[in-house]
Amino acid sequence: MSALSSFSRAVVLGLGSLGLAVPAWGQAGPVVHFRSWPIPSPNSQPIEIALGNYGNLWFTEQNASRVARITPRGSITEFSLPTFGFPNDITSGPDGNVWFTERFSQRIGKVTPSGQFTFYTTALHTLESIVTGPDGNLWFTSFGDHRLARITPQGVITEMPIAPGNPGPTGLASGPLAAPRTLWFLGYGNNRVYAMTLP
């Protein structure tokens, strides 16, 4: 074994003794280290996570009917929905609050940084993705009704026409700077990617 190979192996073994994750021997790639924190509610089925205000992250616990906040140091605070629901996708809103969809309860939820909930009811079904759009409103997808919808920070909901073909929209995202008033989404049901220019 060459001196260089001996040195490399010693470095890898040294990193492992410090508790740092190292790639398998002979594989190229960066040295990575994972941290994890247990969620207080057992079997909560965490499903989506988003960055909120003050450097905290928020995530939904679908099976536990909760929305939770985790600090960068890993401190978790859970907030139970007032009535049982299935919180799904989550995003930081333009009003400083966190917004989320409820998959089966036909509601859009808003939660303040202190954990106070407000809900807005819609006639749409199977609510999936939600994102803050470039127009300062929140946009969400209704997979069951093949619709996009907009909700203002004040809670006014407007359904939007959608491209033909019953795409079953999901995976909503704001467009890049090169297309500043564009929303992108996936057509789960017809194998397409869509871009919608806002007025």
N, C-alpha and C. Protein backbone atom coordinates (compact mmCIF):
# COMPACT_ATOMS: atom_id res chain seq x y z
N MET A 1 0.85 -1.19 0.00
CA MET A 1 0.00 0.00 0.00
C MET A 1 0.89 1.24 0.00
N SER A 2 0.57 2.22 -0.83
CA SER A 2 1.38 3.42 -0.92
C SER A 2 1.22 4.26 0.32
N ALA A 3 2.16 5.19 0.52
CA ALA A 3 2.09 6.09 1.67
C ALA A 3 0.84 6.96 1.60
N LEU A 4 0.47 7.38 0.37
CA LEU A 4 -0.72 8.22 0.21
C LEU A 4 -1.97 7.44 0.59
N SER A 5 -2.06 6.16 0.15
CA SER A 5 -3.21 5.34 0.49
C SER A 5 -3.29 5.12 1.99
N SER A 6 -2.18 4.89 2.64
CA SER A 6 -2.17 4.71 4.09
C SER A 6 -2.65 5.97 4.80
N PHE A 7 -2.20 7.12 4.30
CA PHE A 7 -2.62 8.39 4.90
C PHE A 7 -4.12 8.60 4.72
N SER A 8 -4.64 8.32 3.51
CA SER A 8 -6.07 8.50 3.26
C SER A 8 -6.91 7.61 4.15
N ARG A 9 -6.47 6.35 4.30
CA ARG A 9 -7.21 5.44 5.15
C ARG A 9 -7.18 5.92 6.61
N ALA A 10 -6.06 6.45 7.05
CA ALA A 10 -5.96 6.94 8.41
C ALA A 10 -6.90 8.12 8.65
N VAL A 11 -7.03 9.01 7.64
CA VAL A 11 -7.94 10.14 7.76
C VAL A 11 -9.38 9.66 7.91
N VAL A 12 -9.78 8.70 7.05
CA VAL A 12 -11.14 8.18 7.10
C VAL A 12 -11.41 7.52 8.44
N LEU A 13 -10.47 6.69 8.93
CA LEU A 13 -10.65 6.04 10.22
C LEU A 13 -10.71 7.06 11.34
N GLY A 14 -9.93 8.13 11.21
CA GLY A 14 -9.96 9.18 12.22
C GLY A 14 -11.29 9.90 12.27
N LEU A 15 -11.85 10.18 11.11
CA LEU A 15 -13.17 10.82 11.06
C LEU A 15 -14.23 9.92 11.67
N GLY A 16 -14.13 8.63 11.37
CA GLY A 16 -15.10 7.70 11.94
C GLY A 16 -15.01 7.64 13.45
N SER A 17 -13.80 7.72 14.01
CA SER A 17 -13.64 7.68 15.46
C SER A 17 -14.21 8.91 16.13
N LEU A 18 -14.35 10.01 15.38
CA LEU A 18 -14.94 11.24 15.93
C LEU A 18 -16.45 11.23 15.82
N GLY A 19 -17.03 10.19 15.26
CA GLY A 19 -18.47 10.10 15.14
C GLY A 19 -19.02 10.75 13.88
N LEU A 20 -18.15 11.07 12.92
CA LEU A 20 -18.60 11.69 11.68
C LEU A 20 -18.85 10.62 10.63
N ALA A 21 -19.91 10.82 9.87
CA ALA A 21 -20.22 9.87 8.80
C ALA A 21 -19.21 10.03 7.67
N VAL A 22 -18.79 8.93 7.11
CA VAL A 22 -17.83 8.97 6.01
C VAL A 22 -18.36 8.10 4.87
N PRO A 23 -17.99 8.43 3.63
CA PRO A 23 -18.46 7.61 2.51
C PRO A 23 -17.82 6.23 2.55
N ALA A 24 -18.47 5.26 1.90
CA ALA A 24 -17.89 3.92 1.82
C ALA A 24 -16.52 3.99 1.16
N TRP A 25 -15.62 3.13 1.63
CA TRP A 25 -14.25 3.17 1.12
C TRP A 25 -14.24 2.93 -0.38
N GLY A 26 -13.53 3.80 -1.10
CA GLY A 26 -13.41 3.67 -2.53
C GLY A 26 -14.46 4.46 -3.31
N GLN A 27 -15.45 5.06 -2.62
CA GLN A 27 -16.48 5.85 -3.28
C GLN A 27 -16.16 7.33 -3.17
N ALA A 28 -16.31 8.04 -4.29
CA ALA A 28 -16.09 9.48 -4.27
C ALA A 28 -17.31 10.18 -3.69
N GLY A 29 -17.11 11.35 -3.09
CA GLY A 29 -18.24 12.11 -2.57
C GLY A 29 -17.85 12.84 -1.29
N PRO A 30 -18.67 13.81 -0.92
CA PRO A 30 -18.35 14.60 0.28
C PRO A 30 -18.62 13.82 1.55
N VAL A 31 -17.94 14.21 2.61
CA VAL A 31 -18.23 13.66 3.93
C VAL A 31 -19.48 14.35 4.45
N VAL A 32 -20.49 13.59 4.83
CA VAL A 32 -21.74 14.16 5.29
C VAL A 32 -22.02 13.69 6.72
N HIS A 33 -22.79 14.50 7.42
CA HIS A 33 -23.15 14.16 8.79
C HIS A 33 -24.63 14.45 8.98
N PHE A 34 -25.39 13.48 9.44
CA PHE A 34 -26.82 13.64 9.65
C PHE A 34 -27.12 13.81 11.14
N ARG A 35 -28.09 14.66 11.42
CA ARG A 35 -28.65 14.77 12.76
C ARG A 35 -30.14 14.48 12.67
N SER A 36 -30.72 14.01 13.72
CA SER A 36 -32.16 13.77 13.73
C SER A 36 -32.70 13.97 15.13
N TRP A 37 -34.00 14.27 15.18
CA TRP A 37 -34.67 14.49 16.46
C TRP A 37 -35.98 13.73 16.46
N PRO A 38 -36.30 13.04 17.54
CA PRO A 38 -37.58 12.31 17.59
C PRO A 38 -38.74 13.28 17.74
N ILE A 39 -39.82 13.01 17.02
CA ILE A 39 -41.04 13.81 17.14
C ILE A 39 -41.82 13.31 18.34
N PRO A 40 -42.27 14.21 19.22
CA PRO A 40 -42.95 13.77 20.46
C PRO A 40 -44.14 12.85 20.22
N SER A 41 -44.97 13.15 19.22
CA SER A 41 -46.14 12.31 18.95
C SER A 41 -45.70 11.04 18.22
N PRO A 42 -46.02 9.86 18.76
CA PRO A 42 -45.61 8.63 18.08
C PRO A 42 -46.42 8.40 16.81
N ASN A 43 -45.77 7.85 15.81
CA ASN A 43 -46.43 7.50 14.54
C ASN A 43 -47.20 8.68 13.95
N SER A 44 -46.59 9.86 13.99
CA SER A 44 -47.30 11.07 13.57
C SER A 44 -47.36 11.24 12.06
N GLN A 45 -46.57 10.48 11.34
CA GLN A 45 -46.51 10.54 9.87
C GLN A 45 -46.21 11.95 9.38
N PRO A 46 -45.03 12.49 9.70
CA PRO A 46 -44.65 13.80 9.15
C PRO A 46 -44.55 13.72 7.64
N ILE A 47 -45.06 14.76 6.97
CA ILE A 47 -45.19 14.61 5.51
C ILE A 47 -44.58 15.76 4.72
N GLU A 48 -44.66 17.01 5.21
CA GLU A 48 -44.10 18.15 4.48
C GLU A 48 -43.44 19.11 5.48
N ILE A 49 -42.43 19.86 5.00
CA ILE A 49 -41.71 20.79 5.86
C ILE A 49 -41.37 22.05 5.06
N ALA A 50 -41.36 23.20 5.75
CA ALA A 50 -41.07 24.47 5.08
C ALA A 50 -40.41 25.42 6.07
N LEU A 51 -39.62 26.34 5.53
CA LEU A 51 -38.98 27.35 6.34
C LEU A 51 -39.98 28.44 6.71
N GLY A 52 -40.04 28.79 7.99
CA GLY A 52 -40.90 29.87 8.46
C GLY A 52 -40.09 31.06 8.91
N ASN A 53 -40.71 31.94 9.69
CA ASN A 53 -40.03 33.12 10.19
C ASN A 53 -39.06 32.77 11.32
N TYR A 54 -38.14 33.69 11.58
CA TYR A 54 -37.19 33.60 12.70
C TYR A 54 -36.29 32.37 12.60
N GLY A 55 -36.09 31.85 11.40
CA GLY A 55 -35.18 30.74 11.22
C GLY A 55 -35.72 29.39 11.64
N ASN A 56 -37.00 29.33 12.04
CA ASN A 56 -37.59 28.05 12.41
C ASN A 56 -38.18 27.35 11.18
N LEU A 57 -38.35 26.06 11.31
CA LEU A 57 -39.01 25.29 10.27
C LEU A 57 -40.32 24.73 10.82
N TRP A 58 -41.29 24.59 9.93
CA TRP A 58 -42.60 24.07 10.30
C TRP A 58 -42.89 22.83 9.48
N PHE A 59 -43.54 21.85 10.09
CA PHE A 59 -43.88 20.65 9.35
C PHE A 59 -45.26 20.15 9.78
N THR A 60 -45.85 19.36 8.89
CA THR A 60 -47.17 18.80 9.14
C THR A 60 -47.05 17.35 9.59
N GLU A 61 -47.91 16.97 10.53
CA GLU A 61 -47.99 15.61 11.03
C GLU A 61 -49.37 15.07 10.66
N GLN A 62 -49.42 14.38 9.55
CA GLN A 62 -50.71 14.02 8.96
C GLN A 62 -51.50 13.06 9.84
N ASN A 63 -50.84 12.08 10.42
CA ASN A 63 -51.54 11.07 11.19
C ASN A 63 -51.90 11.54 12.60
N ALA A 64 -51.23 12.59 13.07
CA ALA A 64 -51.46 13.09 14.42
C ALA A 64 -52.34 14.34 14.44
N SER A 65 -52.72 14.84 13.27
CA SER A 65 -53.54 16.04 13.16
C SER A 65 -52.87 17.22 13.87
N ARG A 66 -51.60 17.41 13.55
CA ARG A 66 -50.82 18.46 14.19
C ARG A 66 -49.95 19.18 13.17
N VAL A 67 -49.62 20.43 13.51
CA VAL A 67 -48.58 21.18 12.83
C VAL A 67 -47.52 21.47 13.89
N ALA A 68 -46.26 21.37 13.51
CA ALA A 68 -45.19 21.50 14.50
C ALA A 68 -44.12 22.47 14.02
N ARG A 69 -43.43 23.05 14.98
CA ARG A 69 -42.32 23.97 14.73
C ARG A 69 -41.05 23.37 15.31
N ILE A 70 -39.96 23.44 14.54
CA ILE A 70 -38.68 22.98 15.05
C ILE A 70 -37.65 24.09 14.87
N THR A 71 -36.91 24.39 15.92
CA THR A 71 -35.88 25.42 15.88
C THR A 71 -34.62 24.84 15.24
N PRO A 72 -33.69 25.70 14.82
CA PRO A 72 -32.44 25.18 14.25
C PRO A 72 -31.66 24.28 15.21
N ARG A 73 -31.91 24.40 16.52
CA ARG A 73 -31.24 23.56 17.50
C ARG A 73 -32.00 22.26 17.77
N GLY A 74 -33.17 22.12 17.14
CA GLY A 74 -33.88 20.85 17.25
C GLY A 74 -34.97 20.79 18.30
N SER A 75 -35.36 21.94 18.85
CA SER A 75 -36.46 21.95 19.81
C SER A 75 -37.79 21.94 19.08
N ILE A 76 -38.64 20.95 19.34
CA ILE A 76 -39.89 20.76 18.63
C ILE A 76 -41.07 21.14 19.51
N THR A 77 -41.97 21.96 18.95
CA THR A 77 -43.23 22.30 19.61
C THR A 77 -44.36 21.91 18.68
N GLU A 78 -45.29 21.12 19.19
CA GLU A 78 -46.42 20.65 18.39
C GLU A 78 -47.68 21.45 18.73
N PHE A 79 -48.50 21.69 17.69
CA PHE A 79 -49.77 22.38 17.86
C PHE A 79 -50.87 21.52 17.26
N SER A 80 -51.82 21.10 18.08
CA SER A 80 -52.91 20.25 17.62
C SER A 80 -53.97 21.09 16.92
N LEU A 81 -54.47 20.59 15.79
CA LEU A 81 -55.58 21.25 15.13
C LEU A 81 -56.80 21.22 16.05
N PRO A 82 -57.61 22.29 16.08
CA PRO A 82 -58.78 22.32 16.97
C PRO A 82 -59.76 21.19 16.71
N THR A 83 -59.93 20.81 15.45
CA THR A 83 -60.72 19.64 15.09
C THR A 83 -59.86 18.74 14.23
N PHE A 84 -60.10 17.46 14.29
CA PHE A 84 -59.22 16.51 13.62
C PHE A 84 -59.19 16.75 12.11
N GLY A 85 -58.01 16.71 11.55
CA GLY A 85 -57.83 16.88 10.12
C GLY A 85 -56.56 16.19 9.67
N PHE A 86 -56.27 16.29 8.38
CA PHE A 86 -55.08 15.68 7.80
C PHE A 86 -54.24 16.77 7.15
N PRO A 87 -53.47 17.53 7.94
CA PRO A 87 -52.64 18.58 7.35
C PRO A 87 -51.64 17.98 6.36
N ASN A 88 -51.49 18.67 5.24
CA ASN A 88 -50.71 18.10 4.15
C ASN A 88 -49.52 19.00 3.82
N ASP A 89 -49.57 19.72 2.71
CA ASP A 89 -48.46 20.58 2.33
C ASP A 89 -48.46 21.85 3.17
N ILE A 90 -47.30 22.51 3.27
CA ILE A 90 -47.14 23.66 4.15
C ILE A 90 -46.17 24.65 3.51
N THR A 91 -46.41 25.94 3.74
CA THR A 91 -45.55 26.97 3.16
C THR A 91 -45.55 28.20 4.03
N SER A 92 -44.52 29.00 3.92
CA SER A 92 -44.46 30.29 4.61
C SER A 92 -45.27 31.31 3.82
N GLY A 93 -46.16 32.02 4.51
CA GLY A 93 -47.03 32.97 3.84
C GLY A 93 -46.44 34.37 3.77
N PRO A 94 -47.01 35.23 2.94
CA PRO A 94 -46.53 36.60 2.81
C PRO A 94 -46.87 37.47 4.01
N ASP A 95 -47.72 36.96 4.90
CA ASP A 95 -48.17 37.72 6.07
C ASP A 95 -47.41 37.37 7.34
N GLY A 96 -46.35 36.57 7.23
CA GLY A 96 -45.58 36.17 8.40
C GLY A 96 -46.11 34.93 9.09
N ASN A 97 -47.21 34.37 8.60
CA ASN A 97 -47.76 33.14 9.16
C ASN A 97 -47.40 31.96 8.27
N VAL A 98 -47.74 30.77 8.73
CA VAL A 98 -47.52 29.56 7.97
C VAL A 98 -48.88 29.03 7.53
N TRP A 99 -48.98 28.62 6.27
CA TRP A 99 -50.23 28.15 5.69
C TRP A 99 -50.09 26.70 5.28
N PHE A 100 -51.19 25.96 5.34
CA PHE A 100 -51.14 24.55 4.97
C PHE A 100 -52.47 24.10 4.40
N THR A 101 -52.41 23.04 3.62
CA THR A 101 -53.62 22.43 3.08
C THR A 101 -54.02 21.26 3.98
N GLU A 102 -55.31 20.98 3.97
CA GLU A 102 -55.82 19.76 4.61
C GLU A 102 -56.36 18.87 3.50
N ARG A 103 -55.82 17.69 3.40
CA ARG A 103 -56.09 16.84 2.24
C ARG A 103 -57.56 16.46 2.11
N PHE A 104 -58.21 16.13 3.22
CA PHE A 104 -59.56 15.59 3.13
C PHE A 104 -60.63 16.45 3.80
N SER A 105 -60.24 17.54 4.45
CA SER A 105 -61.20 18.33 5.22
C SER A 105 -61.70 19.56 4.48
N GLN A 106 -61.26 19.75 3.25
CA GLN A 106 -61.69 20.89 2.43
C GLN A 106 -61.42 22.23 3.14
N ARG A 107 -60.23 22.32 3.75
CA ARG A 107 -59.87 23.54 4.46
C ARG A 107 -58.43 23.94 4.13
N ILE A 108 -58.21 25.26 4.14
CA ILE A 108 -56.88 25.83 4.14
C ILE A 108 -56.64 26.36 5.55
N GLY A 109 -55.52 26.00 6.13
CA GLY A 109 -55.22 26.42 7.49
C GLY A 109 -54.12 27.47 7.53
N LYS A 110 -54.22 28.34 8.52
CA LYS A 110 -53.17 29.33 8.78
C LYS A 110 -52.81 29.22 10.26
N VAL A 111 -51.52 29.23 10.55
CA VAL A 111 -51.07 29.17 11.93
C VAL A 111 -50.04 30.26 12.17
N THR A 112 -50.22 31.00 13.26
CA THR A 112 -49.31 32.09 13.61
C THR A 112 -48.04 31.51 14.23
N PRO A 113 -46.97 32.33 14.36
CA PRO A 113 -45.75 31.83 14.99
C PRO A 113 -45.97 31.32 16.42
N SER A 114 -47.03 31.78 17.08
CA SER A 114 -47.32 31.32 18.45
C SER A 114 -48.27 30.13 18.48
N GLY A 115 -48.74 29.67 17.30
CA GLY A 115 -49.55 28.46 17.25
C GLY A 115 -51.05 28.68 17.24
N GLN A 116 -51.52 29.88 16.87
CA GLN A 116 -52.95 30.14 16.78
C GLN A 116 -53.45 29.82 15.37
N PHE A 117 -54.53 29.04 15.29
CA PHE A 117 -55.05 28.57 14.01
C PHE A 117 -56.22 29.40 13.51
N THR A 118 -56.28 29.56 12.19
CA THR A 118 -57.46 30.07 11.49
C THR A 118 -57.67 29.17 10.28
N PHE A 119 -58.95 28.87 9.97
CA PHE A 119 -59.25 27.97 8.86
C PHE A 119 -60.21 28.64 7.88
N TYR A 120 -60.03 28.30 6.62
CA TYR A 120 -60.88 28.80 5.54
C TYR A 120 -61.41 27.60 4.77
N THR A 121 -62.71 27.50 4.68
CA THR A 121 -63.35 26.36 4.04
C THR A 121 -63.51 26.59 2.55
N THR A 122 -63.29 25.53 1.78
CA THR A 122 -63.46 25.58 0.34
C THR A 122 -64.31 24.40 -0.11
N ALA A 123 -64.94 24.53 -1.25
CA ALA A 123 -65.73 23.43 -1.80
C ALA A 123 -64.85 22.43 -2.55
N LEU A 124 -63.58 22.74 -2.70
CA LEU A 124 -62.68 21.86 -3.45
C LEU A 124 -62.26 20.65 -2.61
N HIS A 125 -61.88 19.58 -3.29
CA HIS A 125 -61.56 18.32 -2.64
C HIS A 125 -60.10 17.92 -2.86
N THR A 126 -59.61 17.11 -1.96
CA THR A 126 -58.26 16.54 -2.03
C THR A 126 -57.23 17.64 -2.28
N LEU A 127 -57.07 18.50 -1.30
CA LEU A 127 -56.14 19.62 -1.41
C LEU A 127 -54.72 19.11 -1.24
N GLU A 128 -53.85 19.51 -2.15
CA GLU A 128 -52.49 19.00 -2.16
C GLU A 128 -51.47 20.11 -1.87
N SER A 129 -50.85 20.64 -2.91
CA SER A 129 -49.73 21.57 -2.75
C SER A 129 -50.21 22.99 -2.45
N ILE A 130 -49.37 23.75 -1.75
CA ILE A 130 -49.63 25.17 -1.50
C ILE A 130 -48.31 25.92 -1.54
N VAL A 131 -48.33 27.14 -2.08
CA VAL A 131 -47.12 27.94 -2.20
C VAL A 131 -47.51 29.41 -2.22
N THR A 132 -46.63 30.26 -1.75
CA THR A 132 -46.81 31.70 -1.89
C THR A 132 -46.42 32.10 -3.31
N GLY A 133 -47.36 32.72 -4.01
CA GLY A 133 -47.12 33.10 -5.39
C GLY A 133 -46.43 34.45 -5.51
N PRO A 134 -45.98 34.80 -6.71
CA PRO A 134 -45.29 36.07 -6.92
C PRO A 134 -46.22 37.27 -6.84
N ASP A 135 -47.52 37.04 -6.73
CA ASP A 135 -48.48 38.13 -6.62
C ASP A 135 -48.85 38.45 -5.17
N GLY A 136 -48.19 37.79 -4.21
CA GLY A 136 -48.47 38.06 -2.80
C GLY A 136 -49.65 37.29 -2.24
N ASN A 137 -50.22 36.39 -3.03
CA ASN A 137 -51.29 35.50 -2.56
C ASN A 137 -50.75 34.09 -2.41
N LEU A 138 -51.57 33.23 -1.82
CA LEU A 138 -51.22 31.82 -1.72
C LEU A 138 -52.01 31.05 -2.76
N TRP A 139 -51.36 30.07 -3.35
CA TRP A 139 -51.98 29.26 -4.39
C TRP A 139 -51.94 27.81 -3.95
N PHE A 140 -53.01 27.07 -4.27
CA PHE A 140 -53.04 25.66 -3.89
C PHE A 140 -53.71 24.85 -4.99
N THR A 141 -53.46 23.55 -4.95
CA THR A 141 -54.01 22.64 -5.95
C THR A 141 -55.09 21.78 -5.33
N SER A 142 -56.11 21.50 -6.14
CA SER A 142 -57.15 20.55 -5.76
C SER A 142 -57.04 19.37 -6.72
N PHE A 143 -56.45 18.31 -6.23
CA PHE A 143 -56.25 17.14 -7.07
C PHE A 143 -57.58 16.52 -7.47
N GLY A 144 -58.51 16.46 -6.52
CA GLY A 144 -59.78 15.81 -6.78
C GLY A 144 -60.67 16.54 -7.77
N ASP A 145 -60.55 17.88 -7.83
CA ASP A 145 -61.40 18.67 -8.73
C ASP A 145 -60.65 19.18 -9.95
N HIS A 146 -59.38 18.81 -10.08
CA HIS A 146 -58.57 19.26 -11.23
C HIS A 146 -58.58 20.78 -11.33
N ARG A 147 -58.30 21.45 -10.20
CA ARG A 147 -58.36 22.90 -10.15
C ARG A 147 -57.12 23.47 -9.47
N LEU A 148 -56.81 24.72 -9.86
CA LEU A 148 -55.92 25.57 -9.07
C LEU A 148 -56.80 26.61 -8.39
N ALA A 149 -56.36 27.08 -7.24
CA ALA A 149 -57.11 28.11 -6.54
C ALA A 149 -56.16 29.08 -5.86
N ARG A 150 -56.65 30.30 -5.65
CA ARG A 150 -55.88 31.35 -5.00
C ARG A 150 -56.60 31.73 -3.71
N ILE A 151 -55.84 31.93 -2.65
CA ILE A 151 -56.39 32.46 -1.41
C ILE A 151 -55.56 33.66 -0.99
N THR A 152 -56.23 34.77 -0.72
CA THR A 152 -55.52 35.96 -0.28
C THR A 152 -55.14 35.82 1.19
N PRO A 153 -54.20 36.63 1.68
CA PRO A 153 -53.88 36.57 3.10
C PRO A 153 -55.08 36.86 4.01
N GLN A 154 -56.12 37.49 3.44
CA GLN A 154 -57.34 37.76 4.20
C GLN A 154 -58.33 36.60 4.14
N GLY A 155 -58.04 35.58 3.32
CA GLY A 155 -58.86 34.39 3.29
C GLY A 155 -59.88 34.30 2.18
N VAL A 156 -59.79 35.15 1.17
CA VAL A 156 -60.72 35.11 0.05
C VAL A 156 -60.21 34.10 -0.97
N ILE A 157 -61.05 33.11 -1.29
CA ILE A 157 -60.66 32.03 -2.19
C ILE A 157 -61.28 32.23 -3.56
N THR A 158 -60.46 32.07 -4.61
CA THR A 158 -60.93 32.16 -5.99
C THR A 158 -60.39 30.97 -6.76
N GLU A 159 -61.28 30.22 -7.41
CA GLU A 159 -60.84 29.12 -8.27
C GLU A 159 -60.37 29.67 -9.60
N MET A 160 -59.39 29.00 -10.18
CA MET A 160 -58.82 29.44 -11.44
C MET A 160 -59.06 28.38 -12.53
N PRO A 161 -59.30 28.82 -13.76
CA PRO A 161 -59.38 27.84 -14.84
C PRO A 161 -58.05 27.14 -15.02
N ILE A 162 -58.11 25.93 -15.50
CA ILE A 162 -56.90 25.13 -15.64
C ILE A 162 -56.83 24.58 -17.07
N ALA A 163 -55.65 24.24 -17.48
CA ALA A 163 -55.48 23.70 -18.83
C ALA A 163 -56.32 22.45 -19.01
N PRO A 164 -56.81 22.19 -20.21
CA PRO A 164 -57.64 21.01 -20.44
C PRO A 164 -56.84 19.72 -20.29
N GLY A 165 -57.57 18.64 -20.15
CA GLY A 165 -56.91 17.35 -20.08
C GLY A 165 -56.92 16.71 -18.70
N ASN A 166 -57.61 17.33 -17.73
CA ASN A 166 -57.71 16.77 -16.38
C ASN A 166 -56.36 16.32 -15.83
N PRO A 167 -55.44 17.27 -15.64
CA PRO A 167 -54.09 16.86 -15.26
C PRO A 167 -53.96 16.32 -13.84
N GLY A 168 -54.91 16.60 -12.95
CA GLY A 168 -54.71 16.21 -11.56
C GLY A 168 -53.52 16.97 -10.99
N PRO A 169 -53.65 18.31 -10.81
CA PRO A 169 -52.48 19.15 -10.51
C PRO A 169 -51.90 18.87 -9.13
N THR A 170 -50.60 18.93 -9.06
CA THR A 170 -49.87 18.78 -7.80
C THR A 170 -48.49 19.39 -8.00
N GLY A 171 -47.68 19.45 -6.93
CA GLY A 171 -46.31 19.92 -7.05
C GLY A 171 -46.17 21.37 -7.43
N LEU A 172 -46.89 22.26 -6.79
CA LEU A 172 -46.94 23.68 -7.16
C LEU A 172 -45.69 24.43 -6.71
N ALA A 173 -45.19 25.35 -7.58
CA ALA A 173 -44.00 26.13 -7.25
C ALA A 173 -44.04 27.47 -7.97
N SER A 174 -43.46 28.50 -7.35
CA SER A 174 -43.31 29.79 -8.02
C SER A 174 -42.19 29.70 -9.04
N GLY A 175 -42.31 30.49 -10.12
CA GLY A 175 -41.34 30.44 -11.18
C GLY A 175 -40.05 31.16 -10.85
N PRO A 176 -39.03 31.00 -11.69
CA PRO A 176 -37.73 31.65 -11.49
C PRO A 176 -37.80 33.13 -11.81
N LEU A 177 -36.71 33.83 -11.53
CA LEU A 177 -36.66 35.27 -11.78
C LEU A 177 -36.85 35.59 -13.25
N ALA A 178 -36.45 34.67 -14.11
CA ALA A 178 -36.61 34.90 -15.54
C ALA A 178 -38.08 34.89 -15.96
N ALA A 179 -38.92 34.31 -15.12
CA ALA A 179 -40.37 34.30 -15.39
C ALA A 179 -41.07 34.68 -14.08
N PRO A 180 -41.01 35.95 -13.71
CA PRO A 180 -41.36 36.37 -12.35
C PRO A 180 -42.83 36.24 -11.98
N ARG A 181 -43.73 36.14 -12.92
CA ARG A 181 -45.16 36.02 -12.57
C ARG A 181 -45.72 34.68 -13.09
N THR A 182 -44.96 33.65 -12.86
CA THR A 182 -45.34 32.34 -13.35
C THR A 182 -45.44 31.34 -12.21
N LEU A 183 -46.48 30.52 -12.25
CA LEU A 183 -46.62 29.38 -11.36
C LEU A 183 -46.43 28.11 -12.16
N TRP A 184 -45.72 27.18 -11.58
CA TRP A 184 -45.46 25.90 -12.23
C TRP A 184 -46.14 24.79 -11.42
N PHE A 185 -46.66 23.79 -12.12
CA PHE A 185 -47.22 22.65 -11.41
C PHE A 185 -47.13 21.42 -12.30
N LEU A 186 -47.33 20.28 -11.69
CA LEU A 186 -47.24 19.01 -12.39
C LEU A 186 -48.62 18.46 -12.71
N GLY A 187 -48.75 17.87 -13.87
CA GLY A 187 -49.97 17.15 -14.22
C GLY A 187 -49.78 15.68 -13.91
N TYR A 188 -50.13 15.33 -12.68
CA TYR A 188 -49.94 13.94 -12.25
C TYR A 188 -50.73 12.97 -13.13
N GLY A 189 -51.93 13.41 -13.55
CA GLY A 189 -52.81 12.52 -14.28
C GLY A 189 -52.54 12.41 -15.76
N ASN A 190 -51.74 13.34 -16.34
CA ASN A 190 -51.50 13.26 -17.79
C ASN A 190 -50.03 13.44 -18.17
N ASN A 191 -49.14 13.30 -17.18
CA ASN A 191 -47.70 13.22 -17.48
C ASN A 191 -47.16 14.48 -18.15
N ARG A 192 -47.53 15.66 -17.59
CA ARG A 192 -47.08 16.92 -18.16
C ARG A 192 -46.60 17.85 -17.06
N VAL A 193 -45.81 18.88 -17.49
CA VAL A 193 -45.42 19.99 -16.62
C VAL A 193 -46.10 21.24 -17.17
N TYR A 194 -46.71 22.04 -16.30
CA TYR A 194 -47.45 23.23 -16.72
C TYR A 194 -46.82 24.50 -16.14
N ALA A 195 -46.91 25.56 -16.88
CA ALA A 195 -46.56 26.90 -16.39
C ALA A 195 -47.74 27.81 -16.65
N MET A 196 -48.15 28.55 -15.62
CA MET A 196 -49.30 29.45 -15.74
C MET A 196 -48.85 30.88 -15.46
N THR A 197 -49.03 31.76 -16.42
CA THR A 197 -48.66 33.15 -16.24
C THR A 197 -49.79 33.88 -15.52
N LEU A 198 -49.47 34.57 -14.46
CA LEU A 198 -50.47 35.30 -13.69
C LEU A 198 -50.77 36.63 -14.37
N PRO A 199 -52.00 37.13 -14.20
CA PRO A 199 -52.35 38.44 -14.82
C PRO A 199 -51.58 39.56 -14.16
